[in-house]
Amino acid sequence: MSKYYIGIDIGSVSVDGAIVTAEKEIVRDYYLRHKGHTLRTFIDLLGKMLEAIAFNDILSISLTGSGGKVVSELLNIPFVNEVIAFAEANSFLYPRVNSIIEVGGEDSRFISLKYNESLDKNIISDFSMNSLCAAGTGSFLDQQATRLGLTIENFGKVALRSKNPATIAGRCSTFAKTDMIHLQQVATPNEDIVSGLCYSLVRNFQSTIAKGKVFKKVISFQGGVAANEGVIDAFEKRLGLASGELFVPSNHATLGAIGAAIINLQNNLERFPFKSIQEIKDKLTVGERAKTSLEKLVISEEHHPKNPEGSGNFDIKNLSDNQIIDVFLGVDIGSISTNLALINKEGRLISKRYLQTGGRPIEAVRKGLISLNEEIGEKIRVQGVCTTGSGRYMIAKIIGADVVRNEITAQARAAINIDKDVDTIFEIGGQDSKYISIKDGVVIDFEMNKVCAAGTGSFLEEQAERLNININNEFSQLALDARNPVELGERCTVFMNSNIGHFQAMGTSREDIAARILLRVYVIQLCSIT
């Protein structure tokens, strides 16, 4: 009866596993996205493996990946460096490979291999990795796919339809987002934006990770991003590769786990100190968890916006059948949402619409106008239109707006209309955070975030997606239920991603992580811009 070596790669996005026999046969590999539940997915993966093999037939288990170190310490089992694991897997399965491009959820690596006669296999001759930046990684593409309303599975197929890829910055994910928003606002086709993102990832890989390196053929492209046809196409064209010079292994997403198992096999390591999967669960449960001195978040009920007499909403239903009123339309075209509002001459709100821009600002405005018209079109006469937001100029031309105003002016005017005594505005949008100071009804100072998304709505949405939390009605409640909000640092969203992954690997609850993310956005970022 065969005995088995198990390798598990705990990454920032997925937990991958591989079962290898003592006769060097790969029985099966697994790829599971953990969606923030790292330890739970690790246990689920072990359960799936035990459906294929008997518990008593496991000779050893080893871990690799960004979250593997923590779990290996809790379970007292071997940990293998990811670079070594990838190199060993390729040397074992694909001896003709001389260069490895590996792009995962948060890590990107370039590994150069050379043949060693004494060992009779390829070994590492050079390697480099990304720093703590997600610009050239899978998580960046995941975020942008969500932003465009695409599944990551369809992302590459959409990119291949492009005939004119857009130019998007690849040095930083925040700069890339800004470029992407500007392209959306001028109605650039989605396929050109998606293709541009693929090319920006490849340019970033060439200029930072593989700077000065030689891509010796044959090149293996692996990691989760290797399933993206758009990125494959961009690599082939940017590197000027002929057919067959870059290939994607069928097990491209699990080679780290395969390498970890093979290293144990080659070292004849036969140490598996567990008697049941419950014993493993118990060790993980009692393992050290992150503690913090941060206090529980509490919402104060003391402050509510004041509405001066007569400034509330106007109920259009009170009009007689033949009565028509004059109204004014405001349209705010932002990076995440497109908002429309109708007010009467007294400044009272008649109706409003909030729609996701979804990378299609013209379509969002069209839907909003149709919806307003269907509700009250026969009872109103539009006397003026104003546009604001990052897409204000384009939409103003399309709908024939009378006035175009920047967001600072528009936000201040609305706040003053609601409460003439207002003196401070904090505004957090999809891409921007703003502080506005008002005196006697006039803006006297303001500040905005520069090119960092850490204190904006897009950051919240990305982290909610990462933690598999509904941003609309679940995120804030989870944060308020937190008992011990964790310390994630005061740095940018990219660095915070790594810290979040670390705490996930240690089993920190989503509530405690969500609480700190909200605190980061609503307090730290606003303090930094003021």
Protein backbone atom coordinates (compact mmCIF):
# COMPACT_ATOMS: atom_id res chain seq x y z
CA MET A 1 0.00 0.00 0.00
CA SER A 2 1.33 3.43 -0.96
CA LYS A 3 2.43 6.04 1.55
CA TYR A 4 2.03 9.75 0.88
CA TYR A 5 3.73 13.11 1.25
CA ILE A 6 1.51 16.19 1.50
CA GLY A 7 2.45 19.72 0.55
CA ILE A 8 0.20 22.71 1.29
CA ASP A 9 0.69 26.27 0.02
CA ILE A 10 -1.16 28.85 2.16
CA GLY A 11 -1.23 32.02 0.10
CA SER A 12 -2.88 35.41 0.29
CA VAL A 13 -5.77 34.33 -1.94
CA SER A 14 -5.90 30.54 -1.89
CA VAL A 15 -4.86 27.40 -0.04
CA ASP A 16 -3.38 24.83 -2.43
CA GLY A 17 -2.48 21.23 -1.76
CA ALA A 18 -0.75 18.27 -3.37
CA ILE A 19 -0.50 14.57 -2.57
CA VAL A 20 2.66 12.78 -3.79
CA THR A 21 3.38 9.09 -3.36
CA ALA A 22 6.64 7.67 -2.09
CA GLU A 23 7.12 6.46 -5.68
CA LYS A 24 7.14 10.13 -6.87
CA GLU A 25 3.68 10.04 -8.41
CA ILE A 26 1.40 13.06 -8.03
CA VAL A 27 -1.92 11.60 -6.92
CA ARG A 28 -3.93 14.82 -6.87
CA ASP A 29 -3.64 18.56 -6.40
CA TYR A 30 -6.16 21.06 -5.00
CA TYR A 31 -6.85 24.79 -5.32
CA LEU A 32 -9.27 26.45 -2.86
CA ARG A 33 -9.86 30.21 -2.54
CA HIS A 34 -10.04 30.99 1.19
CA LYS A 35 -11.90 34.36 0.99
CA GLY A 36 -10.45 35.44 4.32
CA HIS A 37 -11.04 32.12 6.11
CA THR A 38 -7.47 30.84 5.92
CA LEU A 39 -7.44 28.33 8.75
CA ARG A 40 -10.93 27.06 7.99
CA THR A 41 -9.94 26.47 4.36
CA PHE A 42 -6.74 24.76 5.49
CA ILE A 43 -8.82 22.31 7.53
CA ASP A 44 -11.30 21.89 4.65
CA LEU A 45 -8.41 21.06 2.34
CA LEU A 46 -7.09 18.41 4.71
CA GLY A 47 -10.59 16.95 4.82
CA LYS A 48 -10.72 16.75 1.02
CA MET A 49 -7.31 15.08 0.95
CA LEU A 50 -8.46 12.47 3.45
CA GLU A 51 -11.23 11.52 1.06
CA ALA A 52 -8.50 10.34 -1.33
CA ILE A 53 -6.02 8.79 1.12
CA ALA A 54 -6.06 7.27 4.60
CA PHE A 55 -4.88 9.37 7.54
CA ASN A 56 -2.47 6.66 8.71
CA ASP A 57 -0.83 6.52 5.27
CA ILE A 58 0.52 10.10 5.49
CA LEU A 59 4.30 10.08 5.94
CA SER A 60 4.76 13.84 6.36
CA ILE A 61 3.24 17.23 5.65
CA SER A 62 5.05 20.48 4.88
CA LEU A 63 3.85 24.02 4.32
CA THR A 64 4.84 26.92 2.13
CA GLY A 65 3.35 30.28 1.16
CA SER A 66 2.87 33.66 2.85
CA GLY A 67 0.59 32.15 5.51
CA GLY A 68 2.39 28.85 5.83
CA LYS A 69 5.03 30.02 8.29
CA VAL A 70 2.52 30.87 11.01
CA VAL A 71 0.61 27.60 10.66
CA SER A 72 3.83 25.58 10.57
CA GLU A 73 4.87 27.10 13.90
CA LEU A 74 1.46 26.39 15.46
CA LEU A 75 1.54 22.76 14.30
CA ASN A 76 5.31 22.25 14.62
CA ILE A 77 5.66 20.92 11.07
CA PRO A 78 8.23 21.81 8.36
CA PHE A 79 8.03 25.04 6.37
CA VAL A 80 9.57 25.39 2.88
CA ASN A 81 10.54 28.70 1.30
CA GLU A 82 8.25 29.45 -1.67
CA VAL A 83 11.08 30.13 -4.13
CA ILE A 84 12.73 26.80 -3.32
CA ALA A 85 9.37 25.00 -3.55
CA PHE A 86 8.66 26.42 -7.01
CA ALA A 87 12.16 25.61 -8.24
CA GLU A 88 11.99 22.01 -7.00
CA ALA A 89 8.57 21.44 -8.55
CA ASN A 90 9.71 22.72 -11.94
CA SER A 91 12.97 20.78 -11.82
CA PHE A 92 11.01 17.62 -11.00
CA LEU A 93 8.15 18.02 -13.50
CA TYR A 94 9.52 20.30 -16.23
CA PRO A 95 13.30 19.90 -16.52
CA ARG A 96 13.41 21.85 -19.81
CA VAL A 97 12.32 25.06 -18.04
CA ASN A 98 15.07 27.66 -17.59
CA SER A 99 13.04 30.64 -16.33
CA ILE A 100 9.96 30.89 -14.10
CA ILE A 101 7.45 33.73 -14.03
CA GLU A 102 5.24 33.27 -10.98
CA VAL A 103 2.40 35.70 -10.29
CA GLY A 104 0.13 34.97 -7.36
CA GLY A 105 -2.37 36.86 -5.27
CA GLU A 106 0.09 39.21 -3.59
CA ASP A 107 3.50 37.96 -4.69
CA SER A 108 5.34 37.98 -7.98
CA ARG A 109 8.63 36.20 -8.58
CA PHE A 110 11.19 35.71 -11.30
CA ILE A 111 13.34 32.59 -10.92
CA SER A 112 16.24 31.66 -13.17
CA LEU A 113 17.37 28.01 -13.24
CA LYS A 114 20.55 26.31 -14.41
CA TYR A 115 21.57 22.66 -14.72
CA ASN A 116 23.81 21.23 -11.99
CA GLU A 117 25.73 18.14 -13.13
CA SER A 118 26.55 16.79 -9.68
CA LEU A 119 22.89 16.92 -8.63
CA ASP A 120 21.63 16.03 -12.11
CA LYS A 121 18.87 18.60 -11.98
CA ASN A 122 18.12 22.30 -12.41
CA ILE A 123 18.83 24.54 -9.44
CA ILE A 124 18.23 28.23 -8.70
CA SER A 125 20.82 30.53 -10.26
CA ASP A 126 19.02 33.83 -9.60
CA PHE A 127 15.68 35.11 -8.35
CA SER A 128 13.88 38.32 -7.40
CA MET A 129 10.52 39.18 -5.87
CA ASN A 130 8.15 42.10 -5.65
CA SER A 131 8.33 44.39 -2.65
CA LEU A 132 5.23 45.08 -0.54
CA CYS A 133 3.28 46.34 -3.53
CA ALA A 134 0.34 44.71 -5.29
CA ALA A 135 0.79 46.49 -8.64
CA GLY A 136 2.06 43.39 -10.42
CA THR A 137 0.02 40.74 -8.64
CA GLY A 138 -3.24 38.87 -8.95
CA SER A 139 -5.00 40.77 -6.17
CA PHE A 140 -4.67 43.95 -8.22
CA LEU A 141 -6.35 42.30 -11.21
CA ASP A 142 -9.04 40.85 -8.91
CA GLN A 143 -9.79 44.33 -7.57
CA GLN A 144 -10.00 45.89 -11.01
CA ALA A 145 -12.18 43.06 -12.34
CA THR A 146 -14.65 43.74 -9.53
CA ARG A 147 -14.47 47.45 -10.25
CA LEU A 148 -15.41 46.82 -13.89
CA GLY A 149 -18.18 44.38 -13.01
CA LEU A 150 -16.29 41.41 -14.47
CA THR A 151 -15.46 38.01 -13.03
CA ILE A 152 -11.75 37.33 -12.90
CA GLU A 153 -12.43 34.18 -14.93
CA ASN A 154 -13.70 36.33 -17.85
CA PHE A 155 -11.06 39.03 -17.44
CA GLY A 156 -8.55 37.50 -19.86
CA LYS A 157 -11.15 36.72 -22.51
CA VAL A 158 -12.32 40.35 -22.49
CA ALA A 159 -8.70 41.54 -22.83
CA LEU A 160 -8.17 39.43 -25.96
CA ARG A 161 -10.96 41.35 -27.72
CA SER A 162 -9.00 44.61 -27.51
CA LYS A 163 -7.51 46.11 -30.65
CA ASN A 164 -6.13 49.22 -28.92
CA PRO A 165 -4.95 48.50 -25.35
CA ALA A 166 -5.10 51.58 -23.12
CA THR A 167 -1.96 52.91 -21.45
CA ILE A 168 -2.23 52.48 -17.68
CA ALA A 169 0.48 53.09 -15.08
CA GLY A 170 2.04 49.88 -13.80
CA ARG A 171 4.33 51.19 -11.07
CA CYS A 172 1.61 51.40 -8.41
CA SER A 173 -1.91 50.02 -8.10
CA THR A 174 -3.21 53.39 -6.90
CA PHE A 175 -1.83 55.24 -9.92
CA ALA A 176 -3.27 52.54 -12.16
CA LYS A 177 -6.69 52.99 -10.59
CA THR A 178 -6.54 56.72 -11.22
CA ASP A 179 -5.65 56.17 -14.88
CA MET A 180 -8.43 53.63 -15.19
CA ILE A 181 -11.02 56.00 -13.76
CA HIS A 182 -10.03 58.72 -16.21
CA LEU A 183 -10.32 56.25 -19.09
CA GLN A 184 -13.77 55.20 -17.88
CA GLN A 185 -14.92 58.80 -17.73
CA VAL A 186 -14.08 59.32 -21.41
CA ALA A 187 -15.97 56.13 -22.34
CA THR A 188 -12.92 54.00 -23.23
CA PRO A 189 -14.16 50.48 -24.12
CA ASN A 190 -13.85 47.98 -21.28
CA GLU A 191 -11.79 45.57 -23.37
CA ASP A 192 -9.14 48.27 -23.99
CA ILE A 193 -8.96 49.08 -20.27
CA VAL A 194 -8.75 45.39 -19.32
CA SER A 195 -6.04 44.74 -21.89
CA GLY A 196 -4.20 47.85 -20.67
CA LEU A 197 -4.24 46.46 -17.13
CA CYS A 198 -2.72 43.20 -18.37
CA TYR A 199 0.04 45.08 -20.17
CA SER A 200 0.67 47.31 -17.14
CA LEU A 201 1.15 44.21 -14.97
CA VAL A 202 3.65 42.79 -17.47
CA ARG A 203 5.54 46.11 -17.78
CA ASN A 204 5.72 46.34 -14.01
CA PHE A 205 7.08 42.78 -13.82
CA GLN A 206 9.75 43.57 -16.42
CA SER A 207 10.82 46.91 -14.97
CA THR A 208 10.84 46.07 -11.26
CA ILE A 209 10.86 42.34 -10.52
CA ALA A 210 12.89 41.16 -13.53
CA LYS A 211 14.90 44.35 -14.05
CA GLY A 212 18.25 43.44 -15.59
CA LYS A 213 17.35 39.74 -15.71
CA VAL A 214 17.54 37.51 -18.77
CA PHE A 215 14.43 35.52 -19.68
CA LYS A 216 16.08 32.28 -20.72
CA LYS A 217 13.79 30.04 -22.73
CA VAL A 218 11.83 27.88 -22.11
CA ILE A 219 9.79 30.05 -19.73
CA SER A 220 7.17 28.63 -17.38
CA PHE A 221 4.34 30.99 -16.40
CA GLN A 222 2.69 29.86 -13.17
CA GLY A 223 0.64 31.04 -10.21
CA GLY A 224 -3.06 31.90 -10.22
CA VAL A 225 -2.63 34.71 -12.76
CA ALA A 226 -1.28 32.21 -15.31
CA ALA A 227 -4.92 31.31 -16.02
CA ASN A 228 -5.46 34.84 -17.39
CA GLU A 229 -5.26 34.71 -21.19
CA GLY A 230 -4.82 38.48 -21.44
CA VAL A 231 -1.68 38.43 -19.27
CA ILE A 232 -0.30 35.45 -21.20
CA ASP A 233 -0.78 37.35 -24.45
CA ALA A 234 0.85 40.48 -23.00
CA PHE A 235 3.91 38.51 -21.79
CA GLU A 236 4.36 36.83 -25.18
CA LYS A 237 4.15 40.12 -27.07
CA ARG A 238 6.26 42.17 -24.64
CA LEU A 239 8.99 39.50 -24.53
CA GLY A 240 8.81 38.80 -28.27
CA LEU A 241 8.34 35.08 -27.74
CA ALA A 242 7.70 32.51 -30.41
CA SER A 243 5.16 29.73 -30.02
CA GLY A 244 6.15 27.27 -27.28
CA GLU A 245 8.77 29.51 -25.67
CA LEU A 246 6.35 30.38 -22.87
CA PHE A 247 4.04 27.70 -21.56
CA VAL A 248 1.51 27.42 -18.75
CA PRO A 249 1.64 24.10 -16.85
CA SER A 250 -1.69 22.39 -16.23
CA ASN A 251 -0.95 22.54 -12.50
CA HIS A 252 0.27 26.15 -12.65
CA ALA A 253 -1.70 27.17 -9.52
CA THR A 254 -0.44 24.37 -7.25
CA LEU A 255 3.27 24.03 -8.06
CA GLY A 256 4.26 25.55 -4.70
CA ALA A 257 2.38 22.81 -2.85
CA ILE A 258 3.80 20.14 -5.16
CA GLY A 259 7.33 21.45 -4.53
CA ALA A 260 6.83 21.39 -0.74
CA ALA A 261 5.75 17.73 -0.89
CA ILE A 262 8.61 16.76 -3.21
CA ILE A 263 11.23 18.31 -0.90
CA ASN A 264 10.01 16.12 1.98
CA LEU A 265 10.11 13.11 -0.33
CA GLN A 266 13.67 13.85 -1.45
CA ASN A 267 14.77 14.30 2.18
CA ASN A 268 13.01 11.07 3.21
CA LEU A 269 11.25 13.01 5.92
CA GLU A 270 8.77 10.74 7.67
CA ARG A 271 7.34 12.70 10.57
CA PHE A 272 3.60 13.13 10.98
CA PRO A 273 2.83 13.52 14.70
CA PHE A 274 -0.98 13.73 14.48
CA LYS A 275 -3.53 11.03 15.21
CA SER A 276 -6.60 12.79 13.79
CA ILE A 277 -7.73 15.92 12.00
CA GLN A 278 -9.45 17.01 15.24
CA GLU A 279 -6.04 17.13 16.92
CA ILE A 280 -4.86 19.52 14.20
CA LYS A 281 -7.98 21.69 14.71
CA ASP A 282 -7.34 21.82 18.46
CA LYS A 283 -3.74 22.93 18.02
CA LEU A 284 -4.78 25.72 15.67
CA THR A 285 -7.55 26.83 18.05
CA VAL A 286 -5.29 27.18 21.08
CA GLY A 287 -2.44 28.73 19.08
CA GLU A 288 -1.39 32.25 19.91
CA ARG A 289 -3.69 34.88 18.43
CA ALA A 290 -2.99 38.54 17.84
CA LYS A 291 -4.00 40.84 20.69
CA THR A 292 -4.45 44.57 20.63
CA SER A 293 -5.10 47.44 22.98
CA LEU A 294 -7.52 49.10 20.56
CA GLU A 295 -10.96 49.77 22.00
CA LYS A 296 -14.22 48.41 20.64
CA LEU A 297 -15.88 50.67 18.07
CA VAL A 298 -19.05 52.39 19.26
CA ILE A 299 -21.40 54.66 17.28
CA SER A 300 -22.47 57.78 19.12
CA GLU A 301 -26.15 58.70 18.82
CA GLU A 302 -25.58 62.28 20.01
CA HIS A 303 -25.14 64.01 16.67
CA HIS A 304 -27.69 64.13 13.89
CA PRO A 305 -27.82 66.45 10.85
CA LYS A 306 -30.08 69.43 11.37
CA ASN A 307 -32.66 70.29 8.74
CA PRO A 308 -33.86 73.88 8.90
CA GLU A 309 -37.61 74.34 8.77
CA GLY A 310 -38.99 73.69 5.30
CA SER A 311 -35.82 72.09 3.98
CA GLY A 312 -36.98 68.46 4.14
CA ASN A 313 -37.97 66.29 1.19
CA PHE A 314 -40.83 67.34 -1.04
CA ASP A 315 -43.47 64.67 -1.64
CA ILE A 316 -44.34 64.77 -5.33
CA LYS A 317 -47.45 62.71 -4.61
CA ASN A 318 -49.08 65.77 -3.04
CA LEU A 319 -49.35 67.47 -6.44
CA SER A 320 -52.65 67.48 -8.26
CA ASP A 321 -52.92 65.53 -11.52
CA ASN A 322 -52.37 68.54 -13.80
CA GLN A 323 -49.88 70.42 -11.63
CA ILE A 324 -46.30 70.78 -12.92
CA ILE A 325 -43.40 72.19 -10.87
CA ASP A 326 -40.03 73.62 -11.87
CA VAL A 327 -37.02 71.55 -10.80
CA PHE A 328 -33.24 71.56 -11.03
CA LEU A 329 -31.14 68.47 -11.77
CA GLY A 330 -27.76 67.68 -10.26
CA VAL A 331 -25.59 64.85 -11.60
CA ASP A 332 -22.51 63.58 -9.74
CA ILE A 333 -20.38 61.19 -11.84
CA GLY A 334 -17.85 59.51 -9.57
CA SER A 335 -15.40 56.63 -9.83
CA ILE A 336 -17.68 54.20 -8.01
CA SER A 337 -21.17 55.68 -8.14
CA THR A 338 -23.25 58.01 -10.30
CA ASN A 339 -25.82 60.04 -8.38
CA LEU A 340 -28.73 62.15 -9.61
CA ALA A 341 -30.87 64.53 -7.55
CA LEU A 342 -33.88 66.72 -8.32
CA ILE A 343 -34.71 69.73 -6.13
CA ASN A 344 -37.40 72.41 -6.35
CA LYS A 345 -36.93 76.18 -6.21
CA GLU A 346 -36.86 76.08 -2.41
CA GLY A 347 -34.01 73.58 -2.44
CA ARG A 348 -36.13 70.70 -1.18
CA LEU A 349 -35.28 67.24 -2.47
CA ILE A 350 -37.88 65.76 -4.79
CA SER A 351 -36.17 62.56 -5.90
CA LYS A 352 -32.73 60.98 -6.10
CA ARG A 353 -30.95 58.03 -7.64
CA TYR A 354 -27.77 56.19 -6.62
CA LEU A 355 -26.27 53.89 -9.27
CA GLN A 356 -23.00 52.01 -9.62
CA THR A 357 -20.88 53.61 -12.34
CA GLY A 358 -19.39 50.19 -13.20
CA GLY A 359 -16.92 51.74 -15.64
CA ARG A 360 -19.82 52.95 -17.83
CA PRO A 361 -20.64 56.52 -16.73
CA ILE A 362 -22.77 57.33 -19.79
CA GLU A 363 -24.89 54.22 -19.29
CA ALA A 364 -25.25 54.96 -15.56
CA VAL A 365 -26.50 58.50 -16.26
CA ARG A 366 -28.87 57.20 -18.92
CA LYS A 367 -30.38 54.67 -16.52
CA GLY A 368 -30.74 57.30 -13.82
CA LEU A 369 -32.53 59.73 -16.13
CA ILE A 370 -34.87 57.02 -17.41
CA SER A 371 -35.70 56.00 -13.85
CA LEU A 372 -36.46 59.60 -12.80
CA ASN A 373 -38.56 60.16 -15.89
CA GLU A 374 -40.59 57.00 -15.28
CA GLU A 375 -41.33 58.10 -11.72
CA ILE A 376 -42.17 61.80 -12.10
CA GLY A 377 -41.48 62.85 -15.68
CA GLU A 378 -44.99 64.23 -16.31
CA LYS A 379 -45.05 66.37 -13.17
CA ILE A 380 -41.80 68.34 -13.53
CA ARG A 381 -40.18 70.89 -15.80
CA VAL A 382 -36.35 70.93 -15.65
CA GLN A 383 -35.08 74.53 -15.48
CA GLY A 384 -31.37 73.85 -15.02
CA VAL A 385 -28.76 71.10 -14.91
CA CYS A 386 -25.41 70.99 -13.10
CA THR A 387 -22.77 68.25 -13.25
CA THR A 388 -19.99 67.49 -10.80
CA GLY A 389 -17.61 64.62 -10.05
CA SER A 390 -14.65 63.24 -11.97
CA GLY A 391 -16.74 62.74 -15.14
CA ARG A 392 -18.50 66.10 -15.00
CA TYR A 393 -17.15 67.63 -18.23
CA MET A 394 -17.93 64.67 -20.48
CA ILE A 395 -21.45 64.19 -19.10
CA ALA A 396 -22.09 67.94 -19.22
CA LYS A 397 -21.51 67.90 -22.98
CA ILE A 398 -23.69 64.85 -23.49
CA ILE A 399 -26.73 66.04 -21.50
CA GLY A 400 -26.30 69.75 -22.21
CA ALA A 401 -25.65 70.90 -18.65
CA ASP A 402 -25.94 74.59 -17.84
CA VAL A 403 -23.32 74.57 -15.09
CA VAL A 404 -20.25 72.45 -14.27
CA ARG A 405 -18.79 72.58 -10.75
CA ASN A 406 -15.99 70.76 -8.93
CA GLU A 407 -16.79 68.41 -6.06
CA ILE A 408 -15.53 70.75 -3.33
CA THR A 409 -17.95 73.47 -4.37
CA ALA A 410 -20.85 71.07 -4.78
CA GLN A 411 -20.30 69.33 -1.44
CA ALA A 412 -20.04 72.62 0.41
CA ARG A 413 -23.12 74.12 -1.22
CA ALA A 414 -25.23 71.07 -0.32
CA ALA A 415 -24.04 71.04 3.29
CA ILE A 416 -24.72 74.74 3.75
CA ASN A 417 -28.18 74.33 2.29
CA ILE A 418 -28.94 71.61 4.86
CA ASP A 419 -27.39 73.46 7.80
CA LYS A 420 -26.24 77.07 7.46
CA ASP A 421 -24.06 76.70 10.59
CA VAL A 422 -21.93 73.84 9.21
CA ASP A 423 -18.20 74.58 9.43
CA THR A 424 -16.51 71.22 8.60
CA ILE A 425 -17.13 68.54 5.99
CA PHE A 426 -15.55 65.10 5.83
CA GLU A 427 -16.36 63.37 2.54
CA ILE A 428 -15.23 59.86 1.64
CA GLY A 429 -15.91 58.73 -1.89
CA GLY A 430 -14.84 55.85 -4.06
CA GLN A 431 -11.44 57.29 -4.96
CA ASP A 432 -11.20 60.54 -2.99
CA SER A 433 -11.28 61.68 0.61
CA LYS A 434 -11.90 65.35 1.33
CA TYR A 435 -11.76 67.76 4.24
CA ILE A 436 -13.52 71.08 3.70
CA SER A 437 -13.47 74.03 6.11
CA ILE A 438 -16.32 76.55 5.90
CA LYS A 439 -16.76 79.94 7.55
CA ASP A 440 -19.85 82.12 7.18
CA GLY A 441 -21.09 79.95 4.33
CA VAL A 442 -17.82 80.21 2.35
CA VAL A 443 -15.13 77.57 1.74
CA ILE A 444 -11.94 78.89 3.34
CA ASP A 445 -9.77 75.74 3.14
CA PHE A 446 -9.82 72.18 1.87
CA GLU A 447 -7.56 69.15 1.51
CA MET A 448 -7.82 65.96 -0.51
CA ASN A 449 -5.98 62.66 -0.50
CA LYS A 450 -3.20 62.59 -3.03
CA VAL A 451 -2.64 59.33 -4.92
CA CYS A 452 -3.44 56.89 -2.14
CA ALA A 453 -6.64 54.87 -1.91
CA ALA A 454 -6.15 53.74 1.70
CA GLY A 455 -8.76 56.11 3.09
CA THR A 456 -11.40 55.79 0.39
CA GLY A 457 -14.46 53.75 -0.45
CA SER A 458 -12.60 51.68 -3.03
CA PHE A 459 -10.30 50.44 -0.27
CA LEU A 460 -13.30 49.38 1.82
CA GLU A 461 -14.85 47.58 -1.17
CA GLU A 462 -11.60 45.76 -1.94
CA GLN A 463 -11.18 44.59 1.63
CA ALA A 464 -14.84 43.57 1.89
CA GLU A 465 -14.37 41.46 -1.25
CA ARG A 466 -11.20 39.99 0.20
CA LEU A 467 -13.00 39.04 3.43
CA ASN A 468 -16.15 37.90 1.59
CA ILE A 469 -18.27 40.51 3.39
CA ASN A 470 -21.22 42.39 1.92
CA ILE A 471 -20.14 46.04 1.85
CA ASN A 472 -23.71 47.38 1.92
CA ASN A 473 -25.15 45.96 5.12
CA GLU A 474 -22.70 43.56 6.73
CA PHE A 475 -19.29 45.25 6.93
CA SER A 476 -20.14 47.98 9.45
CA GLN A 477 -22.11 45.61 11.70
CA LEU A 478 -19.23 43.14 11.81
CA ALA A 479 -16.87 45.97 12.74
CA LEU A 480 -19.13 47.08 15.59
CA ASP A 481 -19.33 43.50 16.86
CA ALA A 482 -15.53 43.26 17.14
CA ARG A 483 -14.09 42.51 20.58
CA ASN A 484 -10.41 43.17 19.83
CA PRO A 485 -9.78 45.28 16.69
CA VAL A 486 -6.31 44.33 15.45
CA GLU A 487 -3.43 46.68 14.71
CA LEU A 488 -2.90 46.81 10.92
CA GLY A 489 -0.43 49.70 10.77
CA GLU A 490 -0.68 53.23 9.48
CA ARG A 491 0.63 52.63 5.97
CA CYS A 492 -0.98 52.35 2.56
CA THR A 493 -3.58 49.82 1.50
CA VAL A 494 -1.01 47.61 -0.24
CA PHE A 495 1.05 47.20 2.93
CA MET A 496 -2.10 46.70 4.97
CA ASN A 497 -3.07 43.81 2.67
CA SER A 498 -0.03 41.88 3.85
CA ASN A 499 -0.88 42.55 7.50
CA ILE A 500 -4.46 41.44 6.93
CA GLY A 501 -3.19 38.22 5.37
CA HIS A 502 -0.95 37.67 8.39
CA PHE A 503 -3.84 38.03 10.84
CA GLN A 504 -6.05 35.81 8.70
CA ALA A 505 -3.41 33.10 8.86
CA MET A 506 -3.44 33.40 12.66
CA GLY A 507 -7.19 32.91 12.77
CA THR A 508 -8.14 36.49 13.68
CA SER A 509 -11.88 37.03 13.27
CA ARG A 510 -13.28 39.03 10.36
CA GLU A 511 -14.99 41.28 12.92
CA ASP A 512 -11.67 42.36 14.46
CA ILE A 513 -10.11 42.95 11.03
CA ALA A 514 -13.15 44.86 9.72
CA ALA A 515 -13.14 47.13 12.78
CA ARG A 516 -9.56 48.19 12.17
CA ILE A 517 -10.16 48.77 8.46
CA LEU A 518 -13.04 51.13 9.25
CA LEU A 519 -10.93 52.90 11.85
CA ARG A 520 -8.15 53.29 9.28
CA VAL A 521 -10.51 54.90 6.79
CA TYR A 522 -12.62 57.12 8.97
CA VAL A 523 -10.05 58.36 11.45
CA ILE A 524 -6.45 57.90 10.37
CA GLN A 525 -6.84 58.90 6.72
CA LEU A 526 -9.00 61.93 7.53
CA CYS A 527 -6.49 63.03 10.17
CA SER A 528 -3.69 62.67 7.64
CA ILE A 529 -5.34 64.95 5.07
CA THR A 530 -6.28 67.58 7.65
